[in-house]
Amino acid sequence: MDERKVIIFDFDGTIADTFSAVVEIVNGLSDKFGISKLGIEEISALRHKRAQDLLKVFQIPLWKIPKFLFIVKEKLSNEIQDIKAFPEIFDVLIRLKKDGYSLGILSSNSEQTVNRFLEQNHVDVFDFVCCEKDIFGKSRVLKKLIVKYALHRDQVVYVGDETRDVEAARGAKIKVVAVTWGYNSSRALEQQYPDRIIDKPQELVAVVGTLF
């Protein structure tokens, strides 16, 4: 794989539209964890915040955070059959694969959830799926993937929907495309200066060709 051009995708918010499901799950846990339910205005405001700041918004005690995240992931896994992919994203993935790119997924979701989603949607285009429990450790994992598959950093592009995805790519010294159809707003993403920002999946086909 060392001579191949590789595109690594985030999962939640980039391929799968899980945001609304996560909000519903979090609201359902409000009484258990003593947090306020999110209304329409609060949900809209969240898109301008970094993932690192969300736990501060919810004001969850540090010692409760691991259990909170575990329950959210578990409930999301149980609902994965109802999660939809973003429009056109599968067509784009197939096109990129036909164009000769190697494709991978790096997610903070569980491997079982990601694989079930791909199987249910009959998607078989990825060369690898890597799931990392540490939601803020993507930079470290990206570096490990580069070593594991003997990749050249200038031949790898990361695609994600959050500011932390951009930060992770910068930490791993690879190029990054930020997408606006997921969690973070265009305004929030622009502040992290990704290599490219796109608004529709179809734009990715042309954009990645300019980054290698």
N, C-alpha and C. Protein backbone atom coordinates (compact mmCIF):
# COMPACT_ATOMS: atom_id res chain seq x y z
N MET A 1 0.82 -1.21 0.00
CA MET A 1 0.00 0.00 0.00
C MET A 1 0.86 1.26 0.00
N ASP A 2 2.18 1.12 0.10
CA ASP A 2 3.03 2.28 0.30
C ASP A 2 3.07 3.23 -0.88
N GLU A 3 2.73 2.76 -2.09
CA GLU A 3 2.74 3.63 -3.25
C GLU A 3 1.34 4.13 -3.61
N ARG A 4 0.36 3.69 -2.83
CA ARG A 4 -1.02 4.07 -3.13
C ARG A 4 -1.37 5.41 -2.50
N LYS A 5 -2.32 6.08 -3.12
CA LYS A 5 -2.88 7.29 -2.54
C LYS A 5 -4.03 6.87 -1.63
N VAL A 6 -3.97 7.31 -0.39
CA VAL A 6 -4.89 6.81 0.63
C VAL A 6 -5.78 7.93 1.16
N ILE A 7 -7.07 7.64 1.23
CA ILE A 7 -8.03 8.59 1.81
C ILE A 7 -8.63 7.92 3.04
N ILE A 8 -8.45 8.54 4.21
CA ILE A 8 -8.98 8.01 5.46
C ILE A 8 -10.18 8.86 5.88
N PHE A 9 -11.29 8.19 6.14
CA PHE A 9 -12.53 8.88 6.48
C PHE A 9 -12.87 8.75 7.96
N ASP A 10 -13.35 9.83 8.53
CA ASP A 10 -14.06 9.76 9.80
C ASP A 10 -15.40 9.09 9.49
N PHE A 11 -16.05 8.52 10.51
CA PHE A 11 -17.31 7.81 10.29
C PHE A 11 -18.53 8.65 10.66
N ASP A 12 -18.66 8.97 11.94
CA ASP A 12 -19.82 9.74 12.42
C ASP A 12 -19.78 11.16 11.88
N GLY A 13 -20.84 11.55 11.17
CA GLY A 13 -20.91 12.92 10.67
C GLY A 13 -20.26 13.11 9.32
N THR A 14 -19.52 12.12 8.86
CA THR A 14 -18.87 12.20 7.55
C THR A 14 -19.50 11.20 6.59
N ILE A 15 -19.65 9.97 7.05
CA ILE A 15 -20.31 8.93 6.26
C ILE A 15 -21.73 8.68 6.78
N ALA A 16 -21.84 8.48 8.08
CA ALA A 16 -23.14 8.19 8.70
C ALA A 16 -23.70 9.42 9.40
N ASP A 17 -24.98 9.67 9.22
CA ASP A 17 -25.64 10.82 9.82
C ASP A 17 -26.12 10.44 11.22
N THR A 18 -25.21 10.43 12.16
CA THR A 18 -25.52 9.98 13.52
C THR A 18 -25.83 11.11 14.50
N PHE A 19 -25.68 12.35 14.07
CA PHE A 19 -25.80 13.46 15.00
C PHE A 19 -27.16 13.52 15.69
N SER A 20 -28.24 13.44 14.90
CA SER A 20 -29.58 13.53 15.49
C SER A 20 -29.84 12.38 16.44
N ALA A 21 -29.33 11.18 16.10
CA ALA A 21 -29.50 10.02 16.98
C ALA A 21 -28.76 10.23 18.30
N VAL A 22 -27.55 10.78 18.23
CA VAL A 22 -26.76 11.03 19.45
C VAL A 22 -27.46 12.06 20.33
N VAL A 23 -28.00 13.11 19.72
CA VAL A 23 -28.71 14.13 20.49
C VAL A 23 -29.90 13.51 21.23
N GLU A 24 -30.64 12.65 20.54
CA GLU A 24 -31.79 11.98 21.16
C GLU A 24 -31.35 11.09 22.32
N ILE A 25 -30.24 10.39 22.12
CA ILE A 25 -29.70 9.52 23.18
C ILE A 25 -29.28 10.35 24.39
N VAL A 26 -28.56 11.44 24.13
CA VAL A 26 -28.09 12.31 25.21
C VAL A 26 -29.28 12.89 25.99
N ASN A 27 -30.30 13.33 25.26
CA ASN A 27 -31.48 13.86 25.94
C ASN A 27 -32.15 12.79 26.80
N GLY A 28 -32.11 11.55 26.33
CA GLY A 28 -32.68 10.46 27.09
C GLY A 28 -31.91 10.14 28.36
N LEU A 29 -30.64 10.55 28.40
CA LEU A 29 -29.80 10.31 29.57
C LEU A 29 -29.74 11.50 30.52
N SER A 30 -30.50 12.54 30.19
CA SER A 30 -30.40 13.79 30.95
C SER A 30 -30.69 13.60 32.44
N ASP A 31 -31.73 12.86 32.76
CA ASP A 31 -32.08 12.66 34.17
C ASP A 31 -31.03 11.81 34.88
N LYS A 32 -30.55 10.77 34.20
CA LYS A 32 -29.57 9.85 34.80
C LYS A 32 -28.28 10.55 35.15
N PHE A 33 -27.85 11.51 34.29
CA PHE A 33 -26.57 12.17 34.50
C PHE A 33 -26.71 13.62 34.97
N GLY A 34 -27.94 14.05 35.19
CA GLY A 34 -28.16 15.40 35.71
C GLY A 34 -27.77 16.50 34.76
N ILE A 35 -28.06 16.31 33.47
CA ILE A 35 -27.74 17.34 32.48
C ILE A 35 -29.03 17.86 31.86
N SER A 36 -28.97 19.07 31.32
CA SER A 36 -30.16 19.67 30.72
C SER A 36 -30.42 19.08 29.34
N LYS A 37 -31.70 18.94 29.01
CA LYS A 37 -32.04 18.47 27.67
C LYS A 37 -31.75 19.56 26.65
N LEU A 38 -31.36 19.13 25.45
CA LEU A 38 -31.00 20.07 24.41
C LEU A 38 -32.21 20.43 23.56
N GLY A 39 -32.48 21.73 23.43
CA GLY A 39 -33.54 22.20 22.55
C GLY A 39 -32.98 22.53 21.18
N ILE A 40 -33.83 23.02 20.29
CA ILE A 40 -33.41 23.32 18.92
C ILE A 40 -32.29 24.36 18.90
N GLU A 41 -32.42 25.42 19.71
CA GLU A 41 -31.41 26.47 19.72
C GLU A 41 -30.08 25.96 20.26
N GLU A 42 -30.13 25.13 21.30
CA GLU A 42 -28.90 24.59 21.88
C GLU A 42 -28.20 23.65 20.90
N ILE A 43 -29.00 22.85 20.19
CA ILE A 43 -28.44 21.92 19.21
C ILE A 43 -27.74 22.68 18.09
N SER A 44 -28.37 23.75 17.63
CA SER A 44 -27.78 24.57 16.57
C SER A 44 -26.48 25.20 17.04
N ALA A 45 -26.45 25.64 18.29
CA ALA A 45 -25.25 26.29 18.85
C ALA A 45 -24.10 25.30 19.00
N LEU A 46 -24.42 24.03 19.23
CA LEU A 46 -23.38 23.03 19.41
C LEU A 46 -22.48 22.89 18.18
N ARG A 47 -23.03 23.14 17.02
CA ARG A 47 -22.27 22.95 15.77
C ARG A 47 -21.10 23.93 15.66
N HIS A 48 -21.13 24.98 16.46
CA HIS A 48 -20.04 25.96 16.43
C HIS A 48 -18.96 25.65 17.48
N LYS A 49 -19.20 24.62 18.29
CA LYS A 49 -18.28 24.30 19.37
C LYS A 49 -17.42 23.09 19.02
N ARG A 50 -16.23 23.04 19.60
CA ARG A 50 -15.36 21.88 19.44
C ARG A 50 -15.88 20.73 20.26
N ALA A 51 -15.61 19.51 19.80
CA ALA A 51 -16.04 18.32 20.55
C ALA A 51 -15.46 18.33 21.96
N GLN A 52 -14.24 18.87 22.10
CA GLN A 52 -13.58 18.93 23.41
C GLN A 52 -14.37 19.79 24.40
N ASP A 53 -15.17 20.72 23.88
CA ASP A 53 -15.89 21.65 24.75
C ASP A 53 -17.29 21.15 25.13
N LEU A 54 -17.74 20.06 24.48
CA LEU A 54 -19.10 19.59 24.72
C LEU A 54 -19.30 19.11 26.16
N LEU A 55 -18.30 18.42 26.68
CA LEU A 55 -18.45 17.90 28.04
C LEU A 55 -18.57 19.04 29.05
N LYS A 56 -17.95 20.18 28.73
CA LYS A 56 -18.10 21.35 29.59
C LYS A 56 -19.52 21.90 29.51
N VAL A 57 -20.08 21.85 28.28
CA VAL A 57 -21.44 22.32 28.09
C VAL A 57 -22.42 21.48 28.89
N PHE A 58 -22.22 20.17 28.85
CA PHE A 58 -23.11 19.26 29.57
C PHE A 58 -22.86 19.28 31.08
N GLN A 59 -21.68 19.76 31.49
CA GLN A 59 -21.31 19.84 32.91
C GLN A 59 -21.42 18.47 33.60
N ILE A 60 -20.87 17.47 32.93
CA ILE A 60 -20.84 16.13 33.50
C ILE A 60 -19.58 16.00 34.35
N PRO A 61 -19.69 15.52 35.58
CA PRO A 61 -18.50 15.32 36.42
C PRO A 61 -17.50 14.40 35.71
N LEU A 62 -16.21 14.67 35.89
CA LEU A 62 -15.18 13.90 35.19
C LEU A 62 -15.31 12.40 35.42
N TRP A 63 -15.64 12.01 36.66
CA TRP A 63 -15.68 10.60 36.97
C TRP A 63 -16.86 9.88 36.31
N LYS A 64 -17.85 10.67 35.81
CA LYS A 64 -18.99 10.07 35.13
C LYS A 64 -18.81 9.98 33.61
N ILE A 65 -17.81 10.67 33.09
CA ILE A 65 -17.64 10.75 31.63
C ILE A 65 -17.44 9.39 30.97
N PRO A 66 -16.55 8.52 31.48
CA PRO A 66 -16.37 7.21 30.82
C PRO A 66 -17.68 6.42 30.71
N LYS A 67 -18.45 6.40 31.79
CA LYS A 67 -19.72 5.67 31.76
C LYS A 67 -20.70 6.31 30.79
N PHE A 68 -20.73 7.65 30.77
CA PHE A 68 -21.61 8.38 29.87
C PHE A 68 -21.29 8.03 28.41
N LEU A 69 -20.02 8.08 28.04
CA LEU A 69 -19.62 7.78 26.67
C LEU A 69 -19.90 6.33 26.30
N PHE A 70 -19.68 5.43 27.26
CA PHE A 70 -19.94 4.01 27.02
C PHE A 70 -21.42 3.77 26.71
N ILE A 71 -22.29 4.39 27.49
CA ILE A 71 -23.73 4.20 27.29
C ILE A 71 -24.18 4.79 25.96
N VAL A 72 -23.66 5.97 25.62
CA VAL A 72 -24.02 6.61 24.35
C VAL A 72 -23.63 5.71 23.18
N LYS A 73 -22.41 5.18 23.21
CA LYS A 73 -21.96 4.30 22.13
C LYS A 73 -22.77 3.02 22.06
N GLU A 74 -23.09 2.47 23.22
CA GLU A 74 -23.87 1.23 23.26
C GLU A 74 -25.26 1.45 22.68
N LYS A 75 -25.92 2.53 23.07
CA LYS A 75 -27.25 2.82 22.55
C LYS A 75 -27.21 3.12 21.05
N LEU A 76 -26.17 3.82 20.61
CA LEU A 76 -26.03 4.12 19.20
C LEU A 76 -25.86 2.83 18.38
N SER A 77 -25.08 1.89 18.93
CA SER A 77 -24.89 0.61 18.27
C SER A 77 -26.21 -0.13 18.11
N ASN A 78 -27.07 -0.03 19.12
CA ASN A 78 -28.36 -0.71 19.08
C ASN A 78 -29.31 -0.07 18.07
N GLU A 79 -29.04 1.18 17.72
CA GLU A 79 -29.92 1.90 16.79
C GLU A 79 -29.32 2.03 15.40
N ILE A 80 -28.19 1.39 15.15
CA ILE A 80 -27.46 1.60 13.90
C ILE A 80 -28.28 1.22 12.68
N GLN A 81 -29.23 0.31 12.84
CA GLN A 81 -30.05 -0.10 11.70
C GLN A 81 -30.93 1.04 11.20
N ASP A 82 -31.14 2.05 12.06
CA ASP A 82 -31.98 3.19 11.67
C ASP A 82 -31.17 4.39 11.20
N ILE A 83 -29.86 4.29 11.30
CA ILE A 83 -29.00 5.41 10.90
C ILE A 83 -28.84 5.44 9.39
N LYS A 84 -28.97 6.61 8.82
CA LYS A 84 -28.85 6.78 7.37
C LYS A 84 -27.47 7.33 6.99
N ALA A 85 -27.06 6.98 5.80
CA ALA A 85 -25.84 7.59 5.25
C ALA A 85 -26.19 8.94 4.65
N PHE A 86 -25.21 9.82 4.57
CA PHE A 86 -25.45 11.10 3.92
C PHE A 86 -25.68 10.88 2.43
N PRO A 87 -26.58 11.63 1.82
CA PRO A 87 -26.89 11.46 0.40
C PRO A 87 -25.63 11.54 -0.47
N GLU A 88 -25.51 10.61 -1.39
CA GLU A 88 -24.44 10.56 -2.39
C GLU A 88 -23.11 10.04 -1.87
N ILE A 89 -22.97 9.86 -0.55
CA ILE A 89 -21.65 9.50 -0.03
C ILE A 89 -21.19 8.13 -0.53
N PHE A 90 -22.11 7.16 -0.64
CA PHE A 90 -21.71 5.84 -1.11
C PHE A 90 -21.28 5.88 -2.57
N ASP A 91 -21.99 6.67 -3.39
CA ASP A 91 -21.61 6.82 -4.80
C ASP A 91 -20.21 7.40 -4.91
N VAL A 92 -19.92 8.36 -4.05
CA VAL A 92 -18.59 9.00 -4.06
C VAL A 92 -17.51 8.00 -3.64
N LEU A 93 -17.78 7.20 -2.62
CA LEU A 93 -16.81 6.19 -2.16
C LEU A 93 -16.50 5.19 -3.28
N ILE A 94 -17.55 4.75 -3.96
CA ILE A 94 -17.36 3.79 -5.06
C ILE A 94 -16.55 4.42 -6.18
N ARG A 95 -16.83 5.68 -6.47
CA ARG A 95 -16.09 6.39 -7.52
C ARG A 95 -14.62 6.52 -7.16
N LEU A 96 -14.33 6.89 -5.92
CA LEU A 96 -12.95 7.03 -5.47
C LEU A 96 -12.21 5.70 -5.53
N LYS A 97 -12.90 4.62 -5.16
CA LYS A 97 -12.29 3.29 -5.22
C LYS A 97 -11.96 2.93 -6.66
N LYS A 98 -12.87 3.20 -7.58
CA LYS A 98 -12.64 2.92 -9.00
C LYS A 98 -11.51 3.76 -9.56
N ASP A 99 -11.34 4.95 -9.00
CA ASP A 99 -10.26 5.83 -9.46
C ASP A 99 -8.89 5.40 -8.93
N GLY A 100 -8.87 4.34 -8.11
CA GLY A 100 -7.60 3.78 -7.67
C GLY A 100 -7.13 4.18 -6.30
N TYR A 101 -7.95 4.91 -5.55
CA TYR A 101 -7.56 5.30 -4.19
C TYR A 101 -7.78 4.13 -3.22
N SER A 102 -6.92 4.03 -2.24
CA SER A 102 -7.15 3.12 -1.12
C SER A 102 -7.94 3.89 -0.07
N LEU A 103 -8.96 3.24 0.50
CA LEU A 103 -9.86 3.91 1.43
C LEU A 103 -9.82 3.25 2.80
N GLY A 104 -9.89 4.08 3.83
CA GLY A 104 -9.91 3.56 5.20
C GLY A 104 -10.85 4.37 6.06
N ILE A 105 -11.18 3.84 7.21
CA ILE A 105 -12.01 4.54 8.19
C ILE A 105 -11.25 4.61 9.52
N LEU A 106 -11.26 5.78 10.12
CA LEU A 106 -10.77 5.95 11.48
C LEU A 106 -11.89 6.57 12.29
N SER A 107 -12.38 5.85 13.29
CA SER A 107 -13.55 6.31 14.03
C SER A 107 -13.38 6.13 15.52
N SER A 108 -14.06 7.00 16.28
CA SER A 108 -14.12 6.84 17.73
C SER A 108 -15.35 6.01 18.12
N ASN A 109 -16.12 5.61 17.11
CA ASN A 109 -17.25 4.71 17.35
C ASN A 109 -16.72 3.30 17.52
N SER A 110 -17.58 2.36 17.90
CA SER A 110 -17.12 0.99 18.08
C SER A 110 -16.97 0.30 16.73
N GLU A 111 -16.04 -0.64 16.64
CA GLU A 111 -15.81 -1.36 15.38
C GLU A 111 -17.05 -2.15 14.98
N GLN A 112 -17.75 -2.70 15.97
CA GLN A 112 -18.96 -3.46 15.68
C GLN A 112 -20.01 -2.57 15.02
N THR A 113 -20.17 -1.36 15.55
CA THR A 113 -21.16 -0.43 15.00
C THR A 113 -20.82 -0.05 13.57
N VAL A 114 -19.56 0.29 13.32
CA VAL A 114 -19.13 0.70 11.98
C VAL A 114 -19.31 -0.45 10.99
N ASN A 115 -18.87 -1.64 11.35
CA ASN A 115 -18.97 -2.78 10.44
C ASN A 115 -20.42 -3.17 10.18
N ARG A 116 -21.26 -3.09 11.20
CA ARG A 116 -22.68 -3.39 10.99
C ARG A 116 -23.31 -2.41 10.02
N PHE A 117 -22.95 -1.13 10.16
CA PHE A 117 -23.47 -0.11 9.25
C PHE A 117 -23.04 -0.40 7.81
N LEU A 118 -21.78 -0.72 7.63
CA LEU A 118 -21.27 -1.00 6.28
C LEU A 118 -21.93 -2.24 5.69
N GLU A 119 -22.10 -3.27 6.50
CA GLU A 119 -22.73 -4.51 6.03
C GLU A 119 -24.19 -4.28 5.66
N GLN A 120 -24.90 -3.56 6.50
CA GLN A 120 -26.32 -3.29 6.24
C GLN A 120 -26.52 -2.49 4.96
N ASN A 121 -25.54 -1.67 4.62
CA ASN A 121 -25.64 -0.85 3.42
C ASN A 121 -24.87 -1.44 2.24
N HIS A 122 -24.36 -2.67 2.43
CA HIS A 122 -23.66 -3.40 1.36
C HIS A 122 -22.50 -2.59 0.78
N VAL A 123 -21.73 -2.00 1.67
CA VAL A 123 -20.57 -1.19 1.28
C VAL A 123 -19.30 -1.99 1.53
N ASP A 124 -18.55 -2.26 0.48
CA ASP A 124 -17.33 -3.07 0.60
C ASP A 124 -16.20 -2.41 -0.20
N VAL A 125 -15.84 -1.20 0.21
CA VAL A 125 -14.82 -0.46 -0.53
C VAL A 125 -13.61 -0.11 0.34
N PHE A 126 -13.68 -0.42 1.63
CA PHE A 126 -12.63 0.02 2.54
C PHE A 126 -11.54 -1.04 2.72
N ASP A 127 -10.29 -0.57 2.67
CA ASP A 127 -9.14 -1.46 2.85
C ASP A 127 -8.89 -1.73 4.33
N PHE A 128 -9.30 -0.81 5.19
CA PHE A 128 -9.15 -1.04 6.62
C PHE A 128 -10.16 -0.19 7.39
N VAL A 129 -10.54 -0.67 8.58
CA VAL A 129 -11.39 0.07 9.52
C VAL A 129 -10.68 0.05 10.86
N CYS A 130 -10.39 1.24 11.38
CA CYS A 130 -9.70 1.36 12.66
C CYS A 130 -10.58 2.16 13.61
N CYS A 131 -10.91 1.56 14.75
CA CYS A 131 -11.75 2.24 15.74
C CYS A 131 -10.95 2.47 17.01
N GLU A 132 -10.98 3.70 17.48
CA GLU A 132 -10.17 4.12 18.62
C GLU A 132 -11.09 4.59 19.74
N LYS A 133 -10.94 4.05 20.94
CA LYS A 133 -11.80 4.40 22.07
C LYS A 133 -11.56 5.82 22.55
N ASP A 134 -10.32 6.29 22.46
CA ASP A 134 -9.98 7.63 22.94
C ASP A 134 -10.48 8.65 21.92
N ILE A 135 -11.57 9.38 22.24
CA ILE A 135 -12.16 10.28 21.26
C ILE A 135 -11.26 11.47 20.93
N PHE A 136 -10.26 11.73 21.76
CA PHE A 136 -9.37 12.85 21.49
C PHE A 136 -7.97 12.38 21.08
N GLY A 137 -7.84 11.09 20.70
CA GLY A 137 -6.53 10.56 20.38
C GLY A 137 -6.32 10.24 18.91
N LYS A 138 -7.06 10.91 18.02
CA LYS A 138 -6.99 10.56 16.61
C LYS A 138 -5.64 10.87 15.98
N SER A 139 -4.98 11.91 16.43
CA SER A 139 -3.68 12.24 15.87
C SER A 139 -2.69 11.11 16.10
N ARG A 140 -2.71 10.61 17.32
CA ARG A 140 -1.81 9.49 17.67
C ARG A 140 -2.13 8.25 16.83
N VAL A 141 -3.40 7.97 16.63
CA VAL A 141 -3.80 6.79 15.85
C VAL A 141 -3.46 6.97 14.37
N LEU A 142 -3.64 8.17 13.86
CA LEU A 142 -3.26 8.43 12.47
C LEU A 142 -1.77 8.15 12.25
N LYS A 143 -0.96 8.57 13.20
CA LYS A 143 0.48 8.31 13.10
C LYS A 143 0.77 6.81 13.11
N LYS A 144 0.04 6.06 13.95
CA LYS A 144 0.23 4.62 14.02
C LYS A 144 -0.19 3.95 12.71
N LEU A 145 -1.27 4.44 12.09
CA LEU A 145 -1.73 3.88 10.82
C LEU A 145 -0.70 4.12 9.72
N ILE A 146 -0.10 5.30 9.74
CA ILE A 146 0.91 5.62 8.73
C ILE A 146 2.10 4.67 8.84
N VAL A 147 2.50 4.37 10.08
CA VAL A 147 3.60 3.43 10.29
C VAL A 147 3.17 2.00 9.95
N LYS A 148 1.99 1.59 10.42
CA LYS A 148 1.51 0.22 10.22
C LYS A 148 1.43 -0.15 8.74
N TYR A 149 0.93 0.76 7.92
CA TYR A 149 0.75 0.48 6.50
C TYR A 149 1.86 1.07 5.63
N ALA A 150 2.92 1.55 6.27
CA ALA A 150 4.08 2.11 5.56
C ALA A 150 3.65 3.16 4.54
N LEU A 151 2.85 4.10 4.99
CA LEU A 151 2.32 5.13 4.10
C LEU A 151 3.25 6.34 4.06
N HIS A 152 3.21 7.04 2.94
CA HIS A 152 3.91 8.32 2.83
C HIS A 152 2.93 9.43 3.21
N ARG A 153 3.33 10.29 4.11
CA ARG A 153 2.41 11.32 4.60
C ARG A 153 1.85 12.20 3.49
N ASP A 154 2.65 12.46 2.45
CA ASP A 154 2.15 13.29 1.37
C ASP A 154 1.20 12.54 0.43
N GLN A 155 0.98 11.25 0.72
CA GLN A 155 0.06 10.44 -0.07
C GLN A 155 -1.18 10.06 0.73
N VAL A 156 -1.40 10.75 1.84
CA VAL A 156 -2.55 10.45 2.70
C VAL A 156 -3.38 11.72 2.91
N VAL A 157 -4.70 11.58 2.78
CA VAL A 157 -5.63 12.68 3.05
C VAL A 157 -6.68 12.17 4.04
N TYR A 158 -6.96 12.97 5.05
CA TYR A 158 -7.98 12.62 6.04
C TYR A 158 -9.22 13.47 5.76
N VAL A 159 -10.40 12.86 5.88
CA VAL A 159 -11.67 13.55 5.62
C VAL A 159 -12.53 13.46 6.88
N GLY A 160 -12.91 14.61 7.43
CA GLY A 160 -13.72 14.60 8.65
C GLY A 160 -14.61 15.81 8.76
N ASP A 161 -15.53 15.75 9.73
CA ASP A 161 -16.54 16.80 9.88
C ASP A 161 -16.38 17.65 11.13
N GLU A 162 -15.32 17.39 11.91
CA GLU A 162 -15.15 18.12 13.17
C GLU A 162 -13.82 18.86 13.22
N THR A 163 -13.77 19.87 14.08
CA THR A 163 -12.52 20.61 14.25
C THR A 163 -11.42 19.69 14.76
N ARG A 164 -11.78 18.71 15.60
CA ARG A 164 -10.75 17.81 16.13
C ARG A 164 -10.19 16.91 15.04
N ASP A 165 -10.96 16.68 13.95
CA ASP A 165 -10.43 15.92 12.82
C ASP A 165 -9.33 16.72 12.12
N VAL A 166 -9.58 18.01 11.98
CA VAL A 166 -8.56 18.88 11.37
C VAL A 166 -7.32 18.93 12.25
N GLU A 167 -7.52 19.08 13.56
CA GLU A 167 -6.40 19.13 14.50
C GLU A 167 -5.61 17.82 14.47
N ALA A 168 -6.32 16.70 14.37
CA ALA A 168 -5.66 15.39 14.34
C ALA A 168 -4.80 15.25 13.09
N ALA A 169 -5.32 15.67 11.96
CA ALA A 169 -4.56 15.58 10.72
C ALA A 169 -3.32 16.48 10.78
N ARG A 170 -3.49 17.66 11.34
CA ARG A 170 -2.34 18.56 11.48
C ARG A 170 -1.27 17.93 12.38
N GLY A 171 -1.72 17.29 13.46
CA GLY A 171 -0.78 16.64 14.37
C GLY A 171 -0.03 15.50 13.71
N ALA A 172 -0.70 14.83 12.77
CA ALA A 172 -0.07 13.71 12.05
C ALA A 172 0.66 14.18 10.80
N LYS A 173 0.58 15.47 10.53
CA LYS A 173 1.26 16.09 9.37
C LYS A 173 0.77 15.52 8.05
N ILE A 174 -0.57 15.39 7.94
CA ILE A 174 -1.16 14.98 6.68
C ILE A 174 -2.22 16.01 6.28
N LYS A 175 -2.62 15.99 5.03
CA LYS A 175 -3.61 16.95 4.55
C LYS A 175 -5.01 16.52 4.97
N VAL A 176 -5.90 17.52 5.04
CA VAL A 176 -7.24 17.24 5.55
C VAL A 176 -8.30 18.01 4.79
N VAL A 177 -9.40 17.31 4.52
CA VAL A 177 -10.58 17.91 3.91
C VAL A 177 -11.68 17.95 4.98
N ALA A 178 -12.21 19.12 5.25
CA ALA A 178 -13.29 19.26 6.23
C ALA A 178 -14.62 19.34 5.49
N VAL A 179 -15.62 18.59 5.98
CA VAL A 179 -16.94 18.58 5.34
C VAL A 179 -17.94 19.27 6.25
N THR A 180 -18.87 20.00 5.63
CA THR A 180 -19.80 20.82 6.41
C THR A 180 -21.15 20.17 6.64
N TRP A 181 -21.34 18.94 6.16
CA TRP A 181 -22.65 18.30 6.31
C TRP A 181 -22.77 17.50 7.62
N GLY A 182 -21.72 17.50 8.44
CA GLY A 182 -21.74 16.72 9.66
C GLY A 182 -21.97 17.56 10.90
N TYR A 183 -21.07 17.40 11.88
CA TYR A 183 -21.26 18.04 13.19
C TYR A 183 -20.92 19.52 13.19
N ASN A 184 -19.68 19.86 12.93
CA ASN A 184 -19.26 21.26 13.07
C ASN A 184 -19.69 22.12 11.88
N SER A 185 -19.97 23.36 12.17
CA SER A 185 -20.38 24.31 11.14
C SER A 185 -19.18 24.74 10.31
N SER A 186 -19.48 25.33 9.17
CA SER A 186 -18.42 25.84 8.30
C SER A 186 -17.58 26.88 9.03
N ARG A 187 -18.24 27.72 9.84
CA ARG A 187 -17.53 28.76 10.59
C ARG A 187 -16.52 28.16 11.55
N ALA A 188 -16.93 27.13 12.26
CA ALA A 188 -16.02 26.49 13.21
C ALA A 188 -14.86 25.81 12.49
N LEU A 189 -15.15 25.16 11.38
CA LEU A 189 -14.11 24.45 10.63
C LEU A 189 -13.09 25.42 10.02
N GLU A 190 -13.57 26.54 9.52
CA GLU A 190 -12.69 27.52 8.90
C GLU A 190 -11.63 28.03 9.88
N GLN A 191 -11.98 28.09 11.14
CA GLN A 191 -11.05 28.59 12.16
C GLN A 191 -9.86 27.67 12.37
N GLN A 192 -9.96 26.42 11.90
CA GLN A 192 -8.87 25.45 12.03
C GLN A 192 -8.02 25.36 10.76
N TYR A 193 -8.40 26.06 9.72
CA TYR A 193 -7.64 26.14 8.47
C TYR A 193 -7.34 24.76 7.85
N PRO A 194 -8.38 24.00 7.52
CA PRO A 194 -8.13 22.74 6.80
C PRO A 194 -7.64 23.04 5.39
N ASP A 195 -7.10 22.05 4.72
CA ASP A 195 -6.61 22.26 3.35
C ASP A 195 -7.75 22.59 2.39
N ARG A 196 -8.89 21.95 2.62
CA ARG A 196 -10.07 22.23 1.81
C ARG A 196 -11.31 22.09 2.69
N ILE A 197 -12.36 22.84 2.35
CA ILE A 197 -13.67 22.69 2.97
C ILE A 197 -14.67 22.43 1.85
N ILE A 198 -15.50 21.40 2.00
CA ILE A 198 -16.50 21.10 0.97
C ILE A 198 -17.88 21.00 1.60
N ASP A 199 -18.90 21.29 0.78
CA ASP A 199 -20.28 21.30 1.26
C ASP A 199 -21.10 20.10 0.79
N LYS A 200 -20.60 19.40 -0.24
CA LYS A 200 -21.33 18.25 -0.77
C LYS A 200 -20.36 17.10 -1.04
N PRO A 201 -20.79 15.86 -0.81
CA PRO A 201 -19.90 14.71 -1.05
C PRO A 201 -19.31 14.66 -2.45
N GLN A 202 -20.09 15.03 -3.45
CA GLN A 202 -19.61 14.95 -4.83
C GLN A 202 -18.38 15.83 -5.08
N GLU A 203 -18.22 16.87 -4.27
CA GLU A 203 -17.08 17.76 -4.44
C GLU A 203 -15.77 17.05 -4.10
N LEU A 204 -15.85 16.00 -3.31
CA LEU A 204 -14.64 15.32 -2.84
C LEU A 204 -13.86 14.72 -4.00
N VAL A 205 -14.53 14.22 -5.03
CA VAL A 205 -13.86 13.56 -6.15
C VAL A 205 -12.86 14.50 -6.80
N ALA A 206 -13.26 15.74 -7.04
CA ALA A 206 -12.37 16.71 -7.68
C ALA A 206 -11.33 17.25 -6.69
N VAL A 207 -11.76 17.46 -5.45
CA VAL A 207 -10.89 18.09 -4.47
C VAL A 207 -9.68 17.22 -4.11
N VAL A 208 -9.88 15.93 -3.88
CA VAL A 208 -8.74 15.10 -3.46
C VAL A 208 -7.66 15.04 -4.53
N GLY A 209 -8.07 15.16 -5.78
CA GLY A 209 -7.09 15.12 -6.86
C GLY A 209 -6.12 16.28 -6.82
N THR A 210 -6.52 17.37 -6.15
CA THR A 210 -5.64 18.54 -6.05
C THR A 210 -4.70 18.46 -4.84
N LEU A 211 -4.89 17.46 -4.00
CA LEU A 211 -4.12 17.38 -2.75
C LEU A 211 -2.97 16.39 -2.81
N PHE A 212 -2.93 15.56 -3.84
CA PHE A 212 -1.84 14.58 -3.95
C PHE A 212 -0.77 15.08 -4.91
